[in-house]
């Protein structure tokens, strides 16, 4: 399995432009779940916004079903906030967490979030498999 490098850039609050690289991280599993990622600076340091999505294109009926059945309880133990993103083709969430200066700790954090998200997605796919007629 090949590794993927995720680069986290600092996003300027005023312009929206990505200004500076904060770090790059090796991800060897579930990298396809990351839609994009960036960090913003606040009074406490940097906050990473990692947009995570599905590992496949979903059908129209699945879109609402996935949001309805997704339980954020486990992922909320790892992040500051977790919210649905409205303007994406597939269900997408913004997982926000504090930037960690240590590369291996940051890689562990990203991998843990992706692992929890993947497990929950699989549970959702299983739960909605026979719900097409309800949507």
C-alpha atoms as a PDB file:
ATOM      1  CA  UNK A   1       0.000   0.000   0.000  1.00  0.00           C
ATOM      2  CA  UNK A   2       1.344   3.402  -0.943  1.00  0.00           C
ATOM      3  CA  UNK A   3       1.526   6.294   1.450  1.00  0.00           C
ATOM      4  CA  UNK A   4      -0.208   9.566   0.745  1.00  0.00           C
ATOM      5  CA  UNK A   5       1.151  12.876   1.948  1.00  0.00           C
ATOM      6  CA  UNK A   6      -1.338  15.328   3.402  1.00  0.00           C
ATOM      7  CA  UNK A   7      -0.129  18.934   3.483  1.00  0.00           C
ATOM      8  CA  UNK A   8      -1.745  21.289   5.965  1.00  0.00           C
ATOM      9  CA  UNK A   9      -1.577  24.907   4.878  1.00  0.00           C
ATOM     10  CA  UNK A  10      -2.412  27.995   6.900  1.00  0.00           C
ATOM     11  CA  UNK A  11      -5.450  29.778   5.459  1.00  0.00           C
ATOM     12  CA  UNK A  12      -5.548  33.573   5.683  1.00  0.00           C
ATOM     13  CA  UNK A  13      -8.802  34.577   7.406  1.00  0.00           C
ATOM     14  CA  UNK A  14      -9.222  37.741   5.361  1.00  0.00           C
ATOM     15  CA  UNK A  15      -8.251  36.615   1.865  1.00  0.00           C
ATOM     16  CA  UNK A  16      -9.012  32.901   2.076  1.00  0.00           C
ATOM     17  CA  UNK A  17      -5.666  32.177   0.419  1.00  0.00           C
ATOM     18  CA  UNK A  18      -3.396  29.438   1.651  1.00  0.00           C
ATOM     19  CA  UNK A  19      -0.301  31.247   2.930  1.00  0.00           C
ATOM     20  CA  UNK A  20       2.175  28.902   4.488  1.00  0.00           C
ATOM     21  CA  UNK A  21       2.784  25.194   4.968  1.00  0.00           C
ATOM     22  CA  UNK A  22       2.449  24.047   8.567  1.00  0.00           C
ATOM     23  CA  UNK A  23       3.420  20.455   7.889  1.00  0.00           C
ATOM     24  CA  UNK A  24       3.054  17.365   5.743  1.00  0.00           C
ATOM     25  CA  UNK A  25       1.927  14.008   7.070  1.00  0.00           C
ATOM     26  CA  UNK A  26       2.060  10.432   5.819  1.00  0.00           C
ATOM     27  CA  UNK A  27      -1.295   8.696   5.673  1.00  0.00           C
ATOM     28  CA  UNK A  28      -1.371   5.058   4.605  1.00  0.00           C
ATOM     29  CA  UNK A  29      -5.057   4.222   5.075  1.00  0.00           C
ATOM     30  CA  UNK A  30      -8.394   5.928   4.425  1.00  0.00           C
ATOM     31  CA  UNK A  31      -6.787   8.903   2.700  1.00  0.00           C
ATOM     32  CA  UNK A  32      -9.620   8.815   0.137  1.00  0.00           C
ATOM     33  CA  UNK A  33     -11.940  10.035   2.903  1.00  0.00           C
ATOM     34  CA  UNK A  34     -10.197  13.423   3.075  1.00  0.00           C
ATOM     35  CA  UNK A  35     -11.868  16.018   0.866  1.00  0.00           C
ATOM     36  CA  UNK A  36      -9.505  18.827   1.872  1.00  0.00           C
ATOM     37  CA  UNK A  37      -7.689  20.216   4.853  1.00  0.00           C
ATOM     38  CA  UNK A  38      -6.319  23.545   6.041  1.00  0.00           C
ATOM     39  CA  UNK A  39      -5.609  25.389   9.287  1.00  0.00           C
ATOM     40  CA  UNK A  40      -6.608  28.786  10.626  1.00  0.00           C
ATOM     41  CA  UNK A  41      -4.918  30.733  13.361  1.00  0.00           C
ATOM     42  CA  UNK A  42      -6.810  31.869  16.425  1.00  0.00           C
ATOM     43  CA  UNK A  43      -5.839  33.220  19.841  1.00  0.00           C
ATOM     44  CA  UNK A  44      -4.965  29.694  21.069  1.00  0.00           C
ATOM     45  CA  UNK A  45      -2.811  28.688  18.109  1.00  0.00           C
ATOM     46  CA  UNK A  46      -3.785  26.800  14.969  1.00  0.00           C
ATOM     47  CA  UNK A  47      -7.001  24.872  14.391  1.00  0.00           C
ATOM     48  CA  UNK A  48      -7.036  22.282  11.614  1.00  0.00           C
ATOM     49  CA  UNK A  49     -10.192  21.895   9.532  1.00  0.00           C
ATOM     50  CA  UNK A  50     -10.211  18.493   7.907  1.00  0.00           C
ATOM     51  CA  UNK A  51     -13.155  17.975   5.588  1.00  0.00           C
ATOM     52  CA  UNK A  52     -13.959  14.276   5.480  1.00  0.00           C
ATOM     53  CA  UNK A  53     -16.381  12.586   3.132  1.00  0.00           C
ATOM     54  CA  UNK A  54     -17.507   9.207   1.797  1.00  0.00           C
ATOM     55  CA  UNK A  55     -15.326   6.676   0.021  1.00  0.00           C
ATOM     56  CA  UNK A  56     -17.732   6.475  -2.919  1.00  0.00           C
ATOM     57  CA  UNK A  57     -20.168   8.613  -4.862  1.00  0.00           C
ATOM     58  CA  UNK A  58     -23.559   8.189  -3.251  1.00  0.00           C
ATOM     59  CA  UNK A  59     -26.970   8.068  -4.849  1.00  0.00           C
ATOM     60  CA  UNK A  60     -29.448  10.881  -4.170  1.00  0.00           C
ATOM     61  CA  UNK A  61     -31.464   8.872  -1.645  1.00  0.00           C
ATOM     62  CA  UNK A  62     -28.289   7.872   0.219  1.00  0.00           C
ATOM     63  CA  UNK A  63     -27.229  11.489   0.752  1.00  0.00           C
ATOM     64  CA  UNK A  64     -29.874  12.282   3.393  1.00  0.00           C
ATOM     65  CA  UNK A  65     -29.854   8.745   4.772  1.00  0.00           C
ATOM     66  CA  UNK A  66     -26.121   8.930   5.502  1.00  0.00           C
ATOM     67  CA  UNK A  67     -26.529  12.208   7.390  1.00  0.00           C
ATOM     68  CA  UNK A  68     -29.565  10.812   9.244  1.00  0.00           C
ATOM     69  CA  UNK A  69     -27.777   7.647  10.396  1.00  0.00           C
ATOM     70  CA  UNK A  70     -24.284   9.025  11.030  1.00  0.00           C
ATOM     71  CA  UNK A  71     -23.550   9.116  14.772  1.00  0.00           C
ATOM     72  CA  UNK A  72     -20.747  11.592  15.588  1.00  0.00           C
ATOM     73  CA  UNK A  73     -20.400  10.468  19.229  1.00  0.00           C
ATOM     74  CA  UNK A  74     -17.056   8.632  18.831  1.00  0.00           C
ATOM     75  CA  UNK A  75     -15.434  11.178  16.552  1.00  0.00           C
ATOM     76  CA  UNK A  76     -16.395  14.019  18.891  1.00  0.00           C
ATOM     77  CA  UNK A  77     -14.031  12.472  21.453  1.00  0.00           C
ATOM     78  CA  UNK A  78     -11.128  13.294  19.106  1.00  0.00           C
ATOM     79  CA  UNK A  79     -12.066  16.737  17.765  1.00  0.00           C
ATOM     80  CA  UNK A  80     -13.060  20.211  18.927  1.00  0.00           C
ATOM     81  CA  UNK A  81     -16.065  20.317  16.625  1.00  0.00           C
ATOM     82  CA  UNK A  82     -17.701  18.181  13.970  1.00  0.00           C
ATOM     83  CA  UNK A  83     -20.290  19.617  11.592  1.00  0.00           C
ATOM     84  CA  UNK A  84     -22.048  18.742   8.362  1.00  0.00           C
ATOM     85  CA  UNK A  85     -21.003  20.620   5.233  1.00  0.00           C
ATOM     86  CA  UNK A  86     -24.005  21.559   3.102  1.00  0.00           C
ATOM     87  CA  UNK A  87     -22.460  22.462  -0.262  1.00  0.00           C
ATOM     88  CA  UNK A  88     -20.738  19.251  -1.307  1.00  0.00           C
ATOM     89  CA  UNK A  89     -21.636  16.557  -3.822  1.00  0.00           C
ATOM     90  CA  UNK A  90     -21.329  13.749  -1.261  1.00  0.00           C
ATOM     91  CA  UNK A  91     -21.991  13.922   2.485  1.00  0.00           C
ATOM     92  CA  UNK A  92     -19.074  15.821   3.991  1.00  0.00           C
ATOM     93  CA  UNK A  93     -18.181  16.863   7.522  1.00  0.00           C
ATOM     94  CA  UNK A  94     -15.745  19.403   8.959  1.00  0.00           C
ATOM     95  CA  UNK A  95     -13.683  17.821  11.729  1.00  0.00           C
ATOM     96  CA  UNK A  96     -11.816  20.596  13.556  1.00  0.00           C
ATOM     97  CA  UNK A  97      -8.985  19.932  15.992  1.00  0.00           C
ATOM     98  CA  UNK A  98      -5.937  21.635  17.467  1.00  0.00           C
ATOM     99  CA  UNK A  99      -2.779  21.560  15.387  1.00  0.00           C
ATOM    100  CA  UNK A 100      -0.058  19.386  16.929  1.00  0.00           C
ATOM    101  CA  UNK A 101       3.528  20.479  16.301  1.00  0.00           C
ATOM    102  CA  UNK A 102       4.929  16.942  16.576  1.00  0.00           C
ATOM    103  CA  UNK A 103       4.742  15.184  13.185  1.00  0.00           C
ATOM    104  CA  UNK A 104       4.181  11.654  14.476  1.00  0.00           C
ATOM    105  CA  UNK A 105       1.538  12.816  16.975  1.00  0.00           C
ATOM    106  CA  UNK A 106      -0.251  14.747  14.209  1.00  0.00           C
ATOM    107  CA  UNK A 107      -0.141  11.699  11.931  1.00  0.00           C
ATOM    108  CA  UNK A 108      -1.627   9.572  14.722  1.00  0.00           C
ATOM    109  CA  UNK A 109      -4.393  12.139  15.269  1.00  0.00           C
ATOM    110  CA  UNK A 110      -5.318  12.279  11.572  1.00  0.00           C
ATOM    111  CA  UNK A 111      -5.236   8.480  11.262  1.00  0.00           C
ATOM    112  CA  UNK A 112      -7.402   8.060  14.373  1.00  0.00           C
ATOM    113  CA  UNK A 113     -10.037  10.488  13.060  1.00  0.00           C
ATOM    114  CA  UNK A 114     -10.083   8.729   9.687  1.00  0.00           C
ATOM    115  CA  UNK A 115     -10.296   5.304  11.331  1.00  0.00           C
ATOM    116  CA  UNK A 116     -13.287   6.333  13.460  1.00  0.00           C
ATOM    117  CA  UNK A 117     -14.966   7.983  10.473  1.00  0.00           C
ATOM    118  CA  UNK A 118     -14.451   4.908   8.257  1.00  0.00           C
ATOM    119  CA  UNK A 119     -15.881   2.610  10.933  1.00  0.00           C
ATOM    120  CA  UNK A 120     -18.942   4.840  11.325  1.00  0.00           C
ATOM    121  CA  UNK A 121     -19.436   5.083   7.545  1.00  0.00           C
ATOM    122  CA  UNK A 122     -19.371   1.298   7.246  1.00  0.00           C
ATOM    123  CA  UNK A 123     -21.963   1.069  10.017  1.00  0.00           C
ATOM    124  CA  UNK A 124     -24.136   3.649   8.238  1.00  0.00           C
ATOM    125  CA  UNK A 125     -23.872   1.871   4.876  1.00  0.00           C
ATOM    126  CA  UNK A 126     -25.024  -1.323   6.544  1.00  0.00           C
ATOM    127  CA  UNK A 127     -27.887   0.425   8.386  1.00  0.00           C
ATOM    128  CA  UNK A 128     -29.266   2.146   5.273  1.00  0.00           C
ATOM    129  CA  UNK A 129     -28.828  -0.741   2.840  1.00  0.00           C
ATOM    130  CA  UNK A 130     -32.555  -1.514   2.861  1.00  0.00           C
ATOM    131  CA  UNK A 131     -33.861   2.040   3.403  1.00  0.00           C
ATOM    132  CA  UNK A 132     -34.090   3.200  -0.231  1.00  0.00           C
ATOM    133  CA  UNK A 133     -37.909   3.282  -0.213  1.00  0.00           C
ATOM    134  CA  UNK A 134     -37.934   5.513   2.880  1.00  0.00           C
ATOM    135  CA  UNK A 135     -35.988   8.196   1.026  1.00  0.00           C
END
